PDB file of all heavy atoms in Angstrom:
ATOM      1  N   HIS A   1     126.881  63.180  75.196  1.00  0.00           N
ATOM      2  CA  HIS A   1     127.279  64.534  74.804  1.00  0.00           C
ATOM      3  C   HIS A   1     128.387  64.497  73.780  1.00  0.00           C
ATOM      4  O   HIS A   1     129.254  63.635  73.809  1.00  0.00           O
ATOM      5  CB  HIS A   1     127.746  65.281  76.058  1.00  0.00           C
ATOM      6  CG  HIS A   1     127.972  66.740  75.947  1.00  0.00           C
ATOM      7  ND1 HIS A   1     128.964  67.291  75.166  1.00  0.00           N
ATOM      8  CD2 HIS A   1     127.298  67.782  76.462  1.00  0.00           C
ATOM      9  CE1 HIS A   1     128.946  68.595  75.295  1.00  0.00           C
ATOM     10  NE2 HIS A   1     127.938  68.937  76.064  1.00  0.00           N
ATOM     11  N   TRP A   2     128.326  65.442  72.835  1.00  0.00           N
ATOM     12  CA  TRP A   2     129.440  65.530  71.871  1.00  0.00           C
ATOM     13  C   TRP A   2     130.766  65.759  72.566  1.00  0.00           C
ATOM     14  O   TRP A   2     130.828  66.202  73.681  1.00  0.00           O
ATOM     15  CB  TRP A   2     129.175  66.665  70.865  1.00  0.00           C
ATOM     16  CG  TRP A   2     128.666  67.966  71.364  1.00  0.00           C
ATOM     17  CD1 TRP A   2     127.382  68.399  71.410  1.00  0.00           C
ATOM     18  CD2 TRP A   2     129.396  69.039  71.994  1.00  0.00           C
ATOM     19  NE1 TRP A   2     127.269  69.670  72.025  1.00  0.00           N
ATOM     20  CE2 TRP A   2     128.527  70.061  72.358  1.00  0.00           C
ATOM     21  CE3 TRP A   2     130.729  69.225  72.282  1.00  0.00           C
ATOM     22  CZ2 TRP A   2     128.955  71.244  72.992  1.00  0.00           C
ATOM     23  CZ3 TRP A   2     131.180  70.397  72.880  1.00  0.00           C
ATOM     24  CH2 TRP A   2     130.261  71.428  73.226  1.00  0.00           C
ATOM     25  N   PRO A   3     131.879  65.335  71.895  1.00  0.00           N
ATOM     26  CA  PRO A   3     131.994  64.788  70.532  1.00  0.00           C
ATOM     27  C   PRO A   3     131.581  63.328  70.431  1.00  0.00           C
ATOM     28  O   PRO A   3     131.689  62.596  71.394  1.00  0.00           O
ATOM     29  CB  PRO A   3     133.468  64.955  70.226  1.00  0.00           C
ATOM     30  CG  PRO A   3     134.157  64.806  71.552  1.00  0.00           C
ATOM     31  CD  PRO A   3     133.213  65.477  72.553  1.00  0.00           C
ATOM     32  N   LEU A   4     131.031  62.982  69.237  1.00  0.00           N
ATOM     33  CA  LEU A   4     130.638  61.584  69.051  1.00  0.00           C
ATOM     34  C   LEU A   4     131.908  60.732  68.919  1.00  0.00           C
ATOM     35  O   LEU A   4     132.595  60.762  67.898  1.00  0.00           O
ATOM     36  CB  LEU A   4     129.815  61.480  67.742  1.00  0.00           C
ATOM     37  CG  LEU A   4     128.432  62.124  67.740  1.00  0.00           C
ATOM     38  CD1 LEU A   4     127.784  61.945  66.391  1.00  0.00           C
ATOM     39  CD2 LEU A   4     127.545  61.533  68.849  1.00  0.00           C
ATOM     40  N   GLN A   5     132.192  59.964  69.968  1.00  0.00           N
ATOM     41  CA  GLN A   5     133.406  59.085  69.986  1.00  0.00           C
ATOM     42  C   GLN A   5     132.982  57.848  70.720  1.00  0.00           C
ATOM     43  O   GLN A   5     132.470  57.905  71.853  1.00  0.00           O
ATOM     44  CB  GLN A   5     134.550  59.767  70.674  1.00  0.00           C
ATOM     45  CG  GLN A   5     135.058  61.006  69.961  1.00  0.00           C
ATOM     46  CD  GLN A   5     136.152  61.756  70.742  1.00  0.00           C
ATOM     47  OE1 GLN A   5     136.433  61.438  71.875  1.00  0.00           O
ATOM     48  NE2 GLN A   5     136.753  62.739  70.096  1.00  0.00           N
ATOM     49  N   ALA A   6     133.231  56.661  70.078  1.00  0.00           N
ATOM     50  CA  ALA A   6     132.795  55.392  70.675  1.00  0.00           C
ATOM     51  C   ALA A   6     133.784  54.300  70.339  1.00  0.00           C
ATOM     52  O   ALA A   6     134.573  54.441  69.397  1.00  0.00           O
ATOM     53  CB  ALA A   6     131.387  55.064  70.203  1.00  0.00           C
ATOM     54  N   LEU A   7     133.660  53.224  71.071  1.00  0.00           N
ATOM     55  CA  LEU A   7     134.544  52.047  70.853  1.00  0.00           C
ATOM     56  C   LEU A   7     134.037  51.308  69.591  1.00  0.00           C
ATOM     57  O   LEU A   7     132.828  51.127  69.383  1.00  0.00           O
ATOM     58  CB  LEU A   7     134.500  51.128  72.083  1.00  0.00           C
ATOM     59  CG  LEU A   7     135.162  51.740  73.303  1.00  0.00           C
ATOM     60  CD1 LEU A   7     134.780  50.963  74.553  1.00  0.00           C
ATOM     61  CD2 LEU A   7     136.677  51.772  73.135  1.00  0.00           C
ATOM     62  N   PRO A   8     134.966  50.816  68.782  1.00  0.00           N
ATOM     63  CA  PRO A   8     134.613  50.151  67.512  1.00  0.00           C
ATOM     64  C   PRO A   8     133.612  49.001  67.679  1.00  0.00           C
ATOM     65  O   PRO A   8     132.694  48.822  66.898  1.00  0.00           O
ATOM     66  CB  PRO A   8     135.922  49.671  66.950  1.00  0.00           C
ATOM     67  CG  PRO A   8     136.962  50.549  67.568  1.00  0.00           C
ATOM     68  CD  PRO A   8     136.438  50.906  68.954  1.00  0.00           C
ATOM     69  N   GLU A   9     133.809  48.194  68.723  1.00  0.00           N
ATOM     70  CA  GLU A   9     132.926  47.052  68.928  1.00  0.00           C
ATOM     71  C   GLU A   9     131.510  47.444  69.263  1.00  0.00           C
ATOM     72  O   GLU A   9     130.548  46.735  68.972  1.00  0.00           O
ATOM     73  CB  GLU A   9     133.487  46.114  70.053  1.00  0.00           C
ATOM     74  CG  GLU A   9     133.625  46.765  71.419  1.00  0.00           C
ATOM     75  CD  GLU A   9     134.992  47.368  71.672  1.00  0.00           C
ATOM     76  OE1 GLU A   9     135.673  47.818  70.714  1.00  0.00           O
ATOM     77  OE2 GLU A   9     135.444  47.345  72.854  1.00  0.00           O
ATOM     78  N   ASP A  10     131.336  48.619  69.869  1.00  0.00           N
ATOM     79  CA  ASP A  10     129.994  49.126  70.169  1.00  0.00           C
ATOM     80  C   ASP A  10     129.341  49.681  68.896  1.00  0.00           C
ATOM     81  O   ASP A  10     128.138  49.477  68.652  1.00  0.00           O
ATOM     82  CB  ASP A  10     130.049  50.174  71.261  1.00  0.00           C
ATOM     83  CG  ASP A  10     130.469  49.608  72.595  1.00  0.00           C
ATOM     84  OD1 ASP A  10     130.252  48.417  72.840  1.00  0.00           O
ATOM     85  OD2 ASP A  10     131.048  50.379  73.409  1.00  0.00           O
ATOM     86  N   ILE A  11     130.098  50.391  68.111  1.00  0.00           N
ATOM     87  CA  ILE A  11     129.574  50.947  66.846  1.00  0.00           C
ATOM     88  C   ILE A  11     129.142  49.848  65.931  1.00  0.00           C
ATOM     89  O   ILE A  11     128.061  49.956  65.275  1.00  0.00           O
ATOM     90  CB  ILE A  11     130.629  51.853  66.174  1.00  0.00           C
ATOM     91  CG1 ILE A  11     131.043  53.029  67.056  1.00  0.00           C
ATOM     92  CG2 ILE A  11     130.106  52.364  64.849  1.00  0.00           C
ATOM     93  CD1 ILE A  11     132.234  53.824  66.541  1.00  0.00           C
ATOM     94  N   ALA A  12     129.900  48.786  65.909  1.00  0.00           N
ATOM     95  CA  ALA A  12     129.594  47.651  64.983  1.00  0.00           C
ATOM     96  C   ALA A  12     128.210  47.043  65.249  1.00  0.00           C
ATOM     97  O   ALA A  12     127.546  46.549  64.315  1.00  0.00           O
ATOM     98  CB  ALA A  12     130.668  46.564  65.094  1.00  0.00           C
ATOM     99  N   LYS A  13     127.742  47.113  66.510  1.00  0.00           N
ATOM    100  CA  LYS A  13     126.461  46.525  66.862  1.00  0.00           C
ATOM    101  C   LYS A  13     125.288  47.265  66.160  1.00  0.00           C
ATOM    102  O   LYS A  13     124.186  46.710  66.021  1.00  0.00           O
ATOM    103  CB  LYS A  13     126.265  46.595  68.376  1.00  0.00           C
ATOM    104  CG  LYS A  13     127.185  45.729  69.148  1.00  0.00           C
ATOM    105  CD  LYS A  13     127.229  46.094  70.621  1.00  0.00           C
ATOM    106  CE  LYS A  13     125.937  45.757  71.349  1.00  0.00           C
ATOM    107  NZ  LYS A  13     126.072  45.964  72.819  1.00  0.00           N
ATOM    108  N   TYR A  14     125.527  48.495  65.761  1.00  0.00           N
ATOM    109  CA  TYR A  14     124.439  49.308  65.161  1.00  0.00           C
ATOM    110  C   TYR A  14     124.627  49.584  63.669  1.00  0.00           C
ATOM    111  O   TYR A  14     123.870  50.394  63.094  1.00  0.00           O
ATOM    112  CB  TYR A  14     124.304  50.644  65.984  1.00  0.00           C
ATOM    113  CG  TYR A  14     123.939  50.345  67.398  1.00  0.00           C
ATOM    114  CD1 TYR A  14     124.892  50.191  68.400  1.00  0.00           C
ATOM    115  CD2 TYR A  14     122.587  50.115  67.736  1.00  0.00           C
ATOM    116  CE1 TYR A  14     124.527  49.863  69.672  1.00  0.00           C
ATOM    117  CE2 TYR A  14     122.230  49.781  69.030  1.00  0.00           C
ATOM    118  CZ  TYR A  14     123.239  49.638  70.006  1.00  0.00           C
ATOM    119  OH  TYR A  14     122.871  49.316  71.288  1.00  0.00           O
ATOM    120  N   LYS A  15     125.588  48.908  63.050  1.00  0.00           N
ATOM    121  CA  LYS A  15     125.869  49.132  61.643  1.00  0.00           C
ATOM    122  C   LYS A  15     124.624  48.803  60.825  1.00  0.00           C
ATOM    123  O   LYS A  15     124.040  47.710  60.907  1.00  0.00           O
ATOM    124  CB  LYS A  15     127.017  48.240  61.199  1.00  0.00           C
ATOM    125  CG  LYS A  15     127.689  48.712  59.927  1.00  0.00           C
ATOM    126  CD  LYS A  15     128.404  50.038  60.104  1.00  0.00           C
ATOM    127  CE  LYS A  15     129.090  50.474  58.846  1.00  0.00           C
ATOM    128  NZ  LYS A  15     129.638  51.826  58.948  1.00  0.00           N
ATOM    129  N   GLY A  16     124.118  49.801  60.071  1.00  0.00           N
ATOM    130  CA  GLY A  16     122.974  49.633  59.216  1.00  0.00           C
ATOM    131  C   GLY A  16     121.624  49.818  59.917  1.00  0.00           C
ATOM    132  O   GLY A  16     120.576  49.839  59.251  1.00  0.00           O
ATOM    133  N   ARG A  17     121.642  49.922  61.217  1.00  0.00           N
ATOM    134  CA  ARG A  17     120.378  50.013  61.975  1.00  0.00           C
ATOM    135  C   ARG A  17     119.581  51.260  61.622  1.00  0.00           C
ATOM    136  O   ARG A  17     118.333  51.297  61.652  1.00  0.00           O
ATOM    137  CB  ARG A  17     120.616  49.962  63.503  1.00  0.00           C
ATOM    138  CG  ARG A  17     119.364  50.102  64.353  1.00  0.00           C
ATOM    139  CD  ARG A  17     118.410  48.960  64.062  1.00  0.00           C
ATOM    140  NE  ARG A  17     117.136  49.071  64.867  1.00  0.00           N
ATOM    141  CZ  ARG A  17     116.067  49.779  64.469  1.00  0.00           C
ATOM    142  NH1 ARG A  17     116.094  50.480  63.343  1.00  0.00           N
ATOM    143  NH2 ARG A  17     114.979  49.793  65.222  1.00  0.00           N
ATOM    144  N   TYR A  18     120.259  52.340  61.270  1.00  0.00           N
ATOM    145  CA  TYR A  18     119.631  53.614  61.068  1.00  0.00           C
ATOM    146  C   TYR A  18     119.417  54.007  59.617  1.00  0.00           C
ATOM    147  O   TYR A  18     119.158  55.160  59.311  1.00  0.00           O
ATOM    148  CB  TYR A  18     120.364  54.689  61.875  1.00  0.00           C
ATOM    149  CG  TYR A  18     120.297  54.400  63.357  1.00  0.00           C
ATOM    150  CD1 TYR A  18     121.399  53.810  64.006  1.00  0.00           C
ATOM    151  CD2 TYR A  18     119.135  54.552  64.047  1.00  0.00           C
ATOM    152  CE1 TYR A  18     121.333  53.500  65.371  1.00  0.00           C
ATOM    153  CE2 TYR A  18     119.043  54.187  65.387  1.00  0.00           C
ATOM    154  CZ  TYR A  18     120.157  53.654  66.052  1.00  0.00           C
ATOM    155  OH  TYR A  18     120.026  53.293  67.353  1.00  0.00           O
ATOM    156  N   SER A  19     119.532  52.979  58.743  1.00  0.00           N
ATOM    157  CA  SER A  19     119.286  53.254  57.309  1.00  0.00           C
ATOM    158  C   SER A  19     117.824  53.594  57.043  1.00  0.00           C
ATOM    159  O   SER A  19     117.495  54.113  55.957  1.00  0.00           O
ATOM    160  CB  SER A  19     119.754  52.077  56.509  1.00  0.00           C
ATOM    161  OG  SER A  19     119.003  50.901  56.858  1.00  0.00           O
ATOM    162  N   ILE A  20     116.968  53.307  58.000  1.00  0.00           N
ATOM    163  CA  ILE A  20     115.517  53.612  57.832  1.00  0.00           C
ATOM    164  C   ILE A  20     115.264  55.105  57.907  1.00  0.00           C
ATOM    165  O   ILE A  20     114.222  55.613  57.505  1.00  0.00           O
ATOM    166  CB  ILE A  20     114.664  52.855  58.831  1.00  0.00           C
ATOM    167  CG1 ILE A  20     114.975  53.269  60.264  1.00  0.00           C
ATOM    168  CG2 ILE A  20     114.781  51.374  58.657  1.00  0.00           C
ATOM    169  CD1 ILE A  20     114.007  52.688  61.298  1.00  0.00           C
ATOM    170  N   GLY A  21     116.215  55.851  58.509  1.00  0.00           N
ATOM    171  CA  GLY A  21     116.049  57.278  58.588  1.00  0.00           C
ATOM    172  C   GLY A  21     115.282  57.735  59.819  1.00  0.00           C
ATOM    173  O   GLY A  21     114.703  56.959  60.541  1.00  0.00           O
ATOM    174  N   TRP A  22     115.322  59.055  60.036  1.00  0.00           N
ATOM    175  CA  TRP A  22     114.745  59.623  61.271  1.00  0.00           C
ATOM    176  C   TRP A  22     113.196  59.553  61.291  1.00  0.00           C
ATOM    177  O   TRP A  22     112.619  59.411  62.380  1.00  0.00           O
ATOM    178  CB  TRP A  22     115.239  61.018  61.522  1.00  0.00           C
ATOM    179  CG  TRP A  22     115.394  61.864  60.326  1.00  0.00           C
ATOM    180  CD1 TRP A  22     114.445  62.414  59.524  1.00  0.00           C
ATOM    181  CD2 TRP A  22     116.654  62.328  59.769  1.00  0.00           C
ATOM    182  NE1 TRP A  22     114.998  63.186  58.510  1.00  0.00           N
ATOM    183  CE2 TRP A  22     116.360  63.127  58.652  1.00  0.00           C
ATOM    184  CE3 TRP A  22     117.999  62.101  60.107  1.00  0.00           C
ATOM    185  CZ2 TRP A  22     117.341  63.716  57.875  1.00  0.00           C
ATOM    186  CZ3 TRP A  22     118.984  62.702  59.324  1.00  0.00           C
ATOM    187  CH2 TRP A  22     118.680  63.497  58.244  1.00  0.00           C
ATOM    188  N   ASP A  23     112.557  59.695  60.149  1.00  0.00           N
ATOM    189  CA  ASP A  23     111.065  59.706  60.197  1.00  0.00           C
ATOM    190  C   ASP A  23     110.505  58.303  60.606  1.00  0.00           C
ATOM    191  O   ASP A  23     109.645  58.204  61.442  1.00  0.00           O
ATOM    192  CB  ASP A  23     110.512  60.080  58.789  1.00  0.00           C
ATOM    193  CG  ASP A  23     110.849  61.548  58.464  1.00  0.00           C
ATOM    194  OD1 ASP A  23     110.462  62.436  59.231  1.00  0.00           O
ATOM    195  OD2 ASP A  23     111.488  61.797  57.431  1.00  0.00           O
ATOM    196  N   SER A  24     111.070  57.291  59.993  1.00  0.00           N
ATOM    197  CA  SER A  24     110.597  55.920  60.378  1.00  0.00           C
ATOM    198  C   SER A  24     110.972  55.577  61.757  1.00  0.00           C
ATOM    199  O   SER A  24     110.187  54.946  62.491  1.00  0.00           O
ATOM    200  CB  SER A  24     111.164  54.880  59.368  1.00  0.00           C
ATOM    201  OG  SER A  24     110.665  55.125  58.042  1.00  0.00           O
ATOM    202  N   LEU A  25     112.184  55.972  62.176  1.00  0.00           N
ATOM    203  CA  LEU A  25     112.616  55.626  63.541  1.00  0.00           C
ATOM    204  C   LEU A  25     111.724  56.331  64.554  1.00  0.00           C
ATOM    205  O   LEU A  25     111.337  55.695  65.574  1.00  0.00           O
ATOM    206  CB  LEU A  25     114.072  56.015  63.735  1.00  0.00           C
ATOM    207  CG  LEU A  25     114.684  55.594  65.075  1.00  0.00           C
ATOM    208  CD1 LEU A  25     114.687  54.114  65.215  1.00  0.00           C
ATOM    209  CD2 LEU A  25     116.085  56.179  65.240  1.00  0.00           C
ATOM    210  N   ARG A  26     111.401  57.550  64.339  1.00  0.00           N
ATOM    211  CA  ARG A  26     110.507  58.290  65.238  1.00  0.00           C
ATOM    212  C   ARG A  26     109.137  57.576  65.351  1.00  0.00           C
ATOM    213  O   ARG A  26     108.603  57.403  66.465  1.00  0.00           O
ATOM    214  CB  ARG A  26     110.327  59.727  64.821  1.00  0.00           C
ATOM    215  CG  ARG A  26     109.451  60.553  65.781  1.00  0.00           C
ATOM    216  CD  ARG A  26     109.419  61.997  65.380  1.00  0.00           C
ATOM    217  NE  ARG A  26     108.727  62.822  66.381  1.00  0.00           N
ATOM    218  CZ  ARG A  26     107.471  63.276  66.179  1.00  0.00           C
ATOM    219  NH1 ARG A  26     106.790  63.005  65.067  1.00  0.00           N
ATOM    220  NH2 ARG A  26     106.875  64.049  67.069  1.00  0.00           N
ATOM    221  N   SER A  27     108.638  57.136  64.238  1.00  0.00           N
ATOM    222  CA  SER A  27     107.327  56.418  64.248  1.00  0.00           C
ATOM    223  C   SER A  27     107.465  55.118  65.053  1.00  0.00           C
ATOM    224  O   SER A  27     106.541  54.773  65.824  1.00  0.00           O
ATOM    225  CB  SER A  27     106.897  56.099  62.802  1.00  0.00           C
ATOM    226  OG  SER A  27     106.665  57.283  62.082  1.00  0.00           O
ATOM    227  N   GLN A  28     108.584  54.411  64.904  1.00  0.00           N
ATOM    228  CA  GLN A  28     108.777  53.165  65.664  1.00  0.00           C
ATOM    229  C   GLN A  28     108.814  53.453  67.160  1.00  0.00           C
ATOM    230  O   GLN A  28     108.220  52.731  67.994  1.00  0.00           O
ATOM    231  CB  GLN A  28     110.056  52.507  65.230  1.00  0.00           C
ATOM    232  CG  GLN A  28     109.961  51.847  63.843  1.00  0.00           C
ATOM    233  CD  GLN A  28     111.283  51.171  63.468  1.00  0.00           C
ATOM    234  OE1 GLN A  28     112.248  51.202  64.212  1.00  0.00           O
ATOM    235  NE2 GLN A  28     111.300  50.587  62.284  1.00  0.00           N
ATOM    236  N   ARG A  29     109.477  54.519  67.530  1.00  0.00           N
ATOM    237  CA  ARG A  29     109.613  54.842  68.963  1.00  0.00           C
ATOM    238  C   ARG A  29     108.263  55.258  69.543  1.00  0.00           C
ATOM    239  O   ARG A  29     107.919  54.939  70.683  1.00  0.00           O
ATOM    240  CB  ARG A  29     110.624  55.945  69.171  1.00  0.00           C
ATOM    241  CG  ARG A  29     112.054  55.466  68.923  1.00  0.00           C
ATOM    242  CD  ARG A  29     113.100  56.447  69.445  1.00  0.00           C
ATOM    243  NE  ARG A  29     114.489  56.012  69.292  1.00  0.00           N
ATOM    244  CZ  ARG A  29     115.536  56.646  69.746  1.00  0.00           C
ATOM    245  NH1 ARG A  29     115.388  57.780  70.411  1.00  0.00           N
ATOM    246  NH2 ARG A  29     116.736  56.146  69.529  1.00  0.00           N
ATOM    247  N   ILE A  30     107.471  56.005  68.765  1.00  0.00           N
ATOM    248  CA  ILE A  30     106.137  56.385  69.235  1.00  0.00           C
ATOM    249  C   ILE A  30     105.289  55.166  69.541  1.00  0.00           C
ATOM    250  O   ILE A  30     104.589  55.068  70.567  1.00  0.00           O
ATOM    251  CB  ILE A  30     105.455  57.345  68.223  1.00  0.00           C
ATOM    252  CG1 ILE A  30     106.151  58.708  68.205  1.00  0.00           C
ATOM    253  CG2 ILE A  30     103.960  57.476  68.559  1.00  0.00           C
ATOM    254  CD1 ILE A  30     105.702  59.593  67.070  1.00  0.00           C
ATOM    255  N   VAL A  31     105.307  54.191  68.627  1.00  0.00           N
ATOM    256  CA  VAL A  31     104.536  52.954  68.802  1.00  0.00           C
ATOM    257  C   VAL A  31     105.054  52.205  70.065  1.00  0.00           C
ATOM    258  O   VAL A  31     104.233  51.736  70.882  1.00  0.00           O
ATOM    259  CB  VAL A  31     104.661  52.080  67.577  1.00  0.00           C
ATOM    260  CG1 VAL A  31     104.084  50.681  67.865  1.00  0.00           C
ATOM    261  CG2 VAL A  31     103.964  52.665  66.398  1.00  0.00           C
ATOM    262  N   GLN A  32     106.379  52.143  70.233  1.00  0.00           N
ATOM    263  CA  GLN A  32     106.919  51.448  71.354  1.00  0.00           C
ATOM    264  C   GLN A  32     106.571  52.155  72.673  1.00  0.00           C
ATOM    265  O   GLN A  32     106.286  51.527  73.705  1.00  0.00           O
ATOM    266  CB  GLN A  32     108.435  51.320  71.244  1.00  0.00           C
ATOM    267  CG  GLN A  32     109.129  50.560  72.344  1.00  0.00           C
ATOM    268  CD  GLN A  32     108.753  49.109  72.462  1.00  0.00           C
ATOM    269  OE1 GLN A  32     107.941  48.610  71.651  1.00  0.00           O
ATOM    270  NE2 GLN A  32     109.305  48.414  73.399  1.00  0.00           N
ATOM    271  N   GLN A  33     106.578  53.489  72.693  1.00  0.00           N
ATOM    272  CA  GLN A  33     106.237  54.224  73.920  1.00  0.00           C
ATOM    273  C   GLN A  33     104.797  53.930  74.324  1.00  0.00           C
ATOM    274  O   GLN A  33     104.491  53.830  75.494  1.00  0.00           O
ATOM    275  CB  GLN A  33     106.443  55.746  73.676  1.00  0.00           C
ATOM    276  CG  GLN A  33     107.935  56.126  73.673  1.00  0.00           C
ATOM    277  CD  GLN A  33     108.120  57.581  73.352  1.00  0.00           C
ATOM    278  OE1 GLN A  33     107.314  58.213  72.661  1.00  0.00           O
ATOM    279  NE2 GLN A  33     109.210  58.148  73.813  1.00  0.00           N
ATOM    280  N   LYS A  34     103.898  53.870  73.343  1.00  0.00           N
ATOM    281  CA  LYS A  34     102.515  53.534  73.619  1.00  0.00           C
ATOM    282  C   LYS A  34     102.376  52.116  74.160  1.00  0.00           C
ATOM    283  O   LYS A  34     101.598  51.836  75.125  1.00  0.00           O
ATOM    284  CB  LYS A  34     101.626  53.735  72.396  1.00  0.00           C
ATOM    285  CG  LYS A  34     101.509  55.208  71.984  1.00  0.00           C
ATOM    286  CD  LYS A  34     100.682  55.344  70.725  1.00  0.00           C
ATOM    287  CE  LYS A  34     100.517  56.827  70.345  1.00  0.00           C
ATOM    288  NZ  LYS A  34      99.758  57.019  69.091  1.00  0.00           N
ATOM    289  N   THR A  35     103.141  51.197  73.588  1.00  0.00           N
ATOM    290  CA  THR A  35     103.083  49.809  74.020  1.00  0.00           C
ATOM    291  C   THR A  35     103.597  49.691  75.482  1.00  0.00           C
ATOM    292  O   THR A  35     102.977  48.932  76.267  1.00  0.00           O
ATOM    293  CB  THR A  35     103.954  48.937  73.088  1.00  0.00           C
ATOM    294  OG1 THR A  35     103.479  49.015  71.748  1.00  0.00           O
ATOM    295  CG2 THR A  35     103.968  47.484  73.566  1.00  0.00           C
ATOM    296  N   LEU A  36     104.650  50.425  75.762  1.00  0.00           N
ATOM    297  CA  LEU A  36     105.238  50.389  77.156  1.00  0.00           C
ATOM    298  C   LEU A  36     104.348  51.091  78.202  1.00  0.00           C
ATOM    299  O   LEU A  36     104.512  50.820  79.377  1.00  0.00           O
ATOM    300  CB  LEU A  36     106.628  51.031  77.115  1.00  0.00           C
ATOM    301  CG  LEU A  36     107.708  50.290  76.349  1.00  0.00           C
ATOM    302  CD1 LEU A  36     108.956  51.183  76.218  1.00  0.00           C
ATOM    303  CD2 LEU A  36     108.088  48.991  77.083  1.00  0.00           C
ATOM    304  N   GLY A  37     103.504  52.003  77.746  1.00  0.00           N
ATOM    305  CA  GLY A  37     102.725  52.828  78.656  1.00  0.00           C
ATOM    306  C   GLY A  37     103.423  54.093  79.087  1.00  0.00           C
ATOM    307  O   GLY A  37     102.947  54.778  80.021  1.00  0.00           O
ATOM    308  N   ILE A  38     104.521  54.432  78.441  1.00  0.00           N
ATOM    309  CA  ILE A  38     105.209  55.666  78.749  1.00  0.00           C
ATOM    310  C   ILE A  38     104.535  56.892  78.162  1.00  0.00           C
ATOM    311  O   ILE A  38     104.496  57.969  78.728  1.00  0.00           O
ATOM    312  CB  ILE A  38     106.675  55.583  78.257  1.00  0.00           C
ATOM    313  CG1 ILE A  38     107.514  54.667  79.149  1.00  0.00           C
ATOM    314  CG2 ILE A  38     107.330  56.952  78.190  1.00  0.00           C
ATOM    315  CD1 ILE A  38     107.589  55.105  80.589  1.00  0.00           C
ATOM    316  N   SER A  39     103.937  56.683  76.978  1.00  0.00           N
ATOM    317  CA  SER A  39     103.188  57.759  76.368  1.00  0.00           C
ATOM    318  C   SER A  39     101.701  57.647  76.713  1.00  0.00           C
ATOM    319  O   SER A  39     101.103  56.597  76.591  1.00  0.00           O
ATOM    320  CB  SER A  39     103.328  57.618  74.813  1.00  0.00           C
ATOM    321  OG  SER A  39     102.641  58.650  74.167  1.00  0.00           O
ATOM    322  N   ASP A  40     101.181  58.740  77.229  1.00  0.00           N
ATOM    323  CA  ASP A  40      99.778  58.793  77.631  1.00  0.00           C
ATOM    324  C   ASP A  40      98.920  58.940  76.377  1.00  0.00           C
ATOM    325  O   ASP A  40      99.047  59.927  75.644  1.00  0.00           O
ATOM    326  CB  ASP A  40      99.551  59.956  78.598  1.00  0.00           C
ATOM    327  CG  ASP A  40      98.166  59.974  79.203  1.00  0.00           C
ATOM    328  OD1 ASP A  40      97.216  59.400  78.564  1.00  0.00           O
ATOM    329  OD2 ASP A  40      98.014  60.520  80.300  1.00  0.00           O
ATOM    330  N   PRO A  41      98.051  57.974  76.080  1.00  0.00           N
ATOM    331  CA  PRO A  41      97.267  58.043  74.846  1.00  0.00           C
ATOM    332  C   PRO A  41      96.343  59.266  74.777  1.00  0.00           C
ATOM    333  O   PRO A  41      95.866  59.644  73.691  1.00  0.00           O
ATOM    334  CB  PRO A  41      96.451  56.726  74.890  1.00  0.00           C
ATOM    335  CG  PRO A  41      96.459  56.304  76.312  1.00  0.00           C
ATOM    336  CD  PRO A  41      97.742  56.785  76.883  1.00  0.00           C
ATOM    337  N   LYS A  42      96.075  59.888  75.938  1.00  0.00           N
ATOM    338  CA  LYS A  42      95.216  61.066  75.927  1.00  0.00           C
ATOM    339  C   LYS A  42      95.973  62.328  75.430  1.00  0.00           C
ATOM    340  O   LYS A  42      95.350  63.347  75.130  1.00  0.00           O
ATOM    341  CB  LYS A  42      94.661  61.388  77.392  1.00  0.00           C
ATOM    342  CG  LYS A  42      93.845  60.270  77.967  1.00  0.00           C
ATOM    343  CD  LYS A  42      93.136  60.766  79.243  1.00  0.00           C
ATOM    344  CE  LYS A  42      94.113  61.337  80.290  1.00  0.00           C
ATOM    345  NZ  LYS A  42      95.018  60.311  80.838  1.00  0.00           N
ATOM    346  N   GLN A  43      97.285  62.257  75.411  1.00  0.00           N
ATOM    347  CA  GLN A  43      98.074  63.421  75.120  1.00  0.00           C
ATOM    348  C   GLN A  43      98.520  63.475  73.632  1.00  0.00           C
ATOM    349  O   GLN A  43      98.937  62.445  73.075  1.00  0.00           O
ATOM    350  CB  GLN A  43      99.323  63.486  75.994  1.00  0.00           C
ATOM    351  CG  GLN A  43      99.012  63.682  77.457  1.00  0.00           C
ATOM    352  CD  GLN A  43     100.246  63.601  78.334  1.00  0.00           C
ATOM    353  OE1 GLN A  43     101.174  62.871  78.019  1.00  0.00           O
ATOM    354  NE2 GLN A  43     100.225  64.305  79.438  1.00  0.00           N
TER     355      GLN A  43
END
């Protein structure tokens, strides 16, 4: 929950990870959900 406040060592782990942007990241998560079986392929 906001406000966004975190420890520097934790932030450093994700530096540059989100440069792909929200559209690509959403696509990656959808693929992973299907792989894990969390997303029902019928839906």
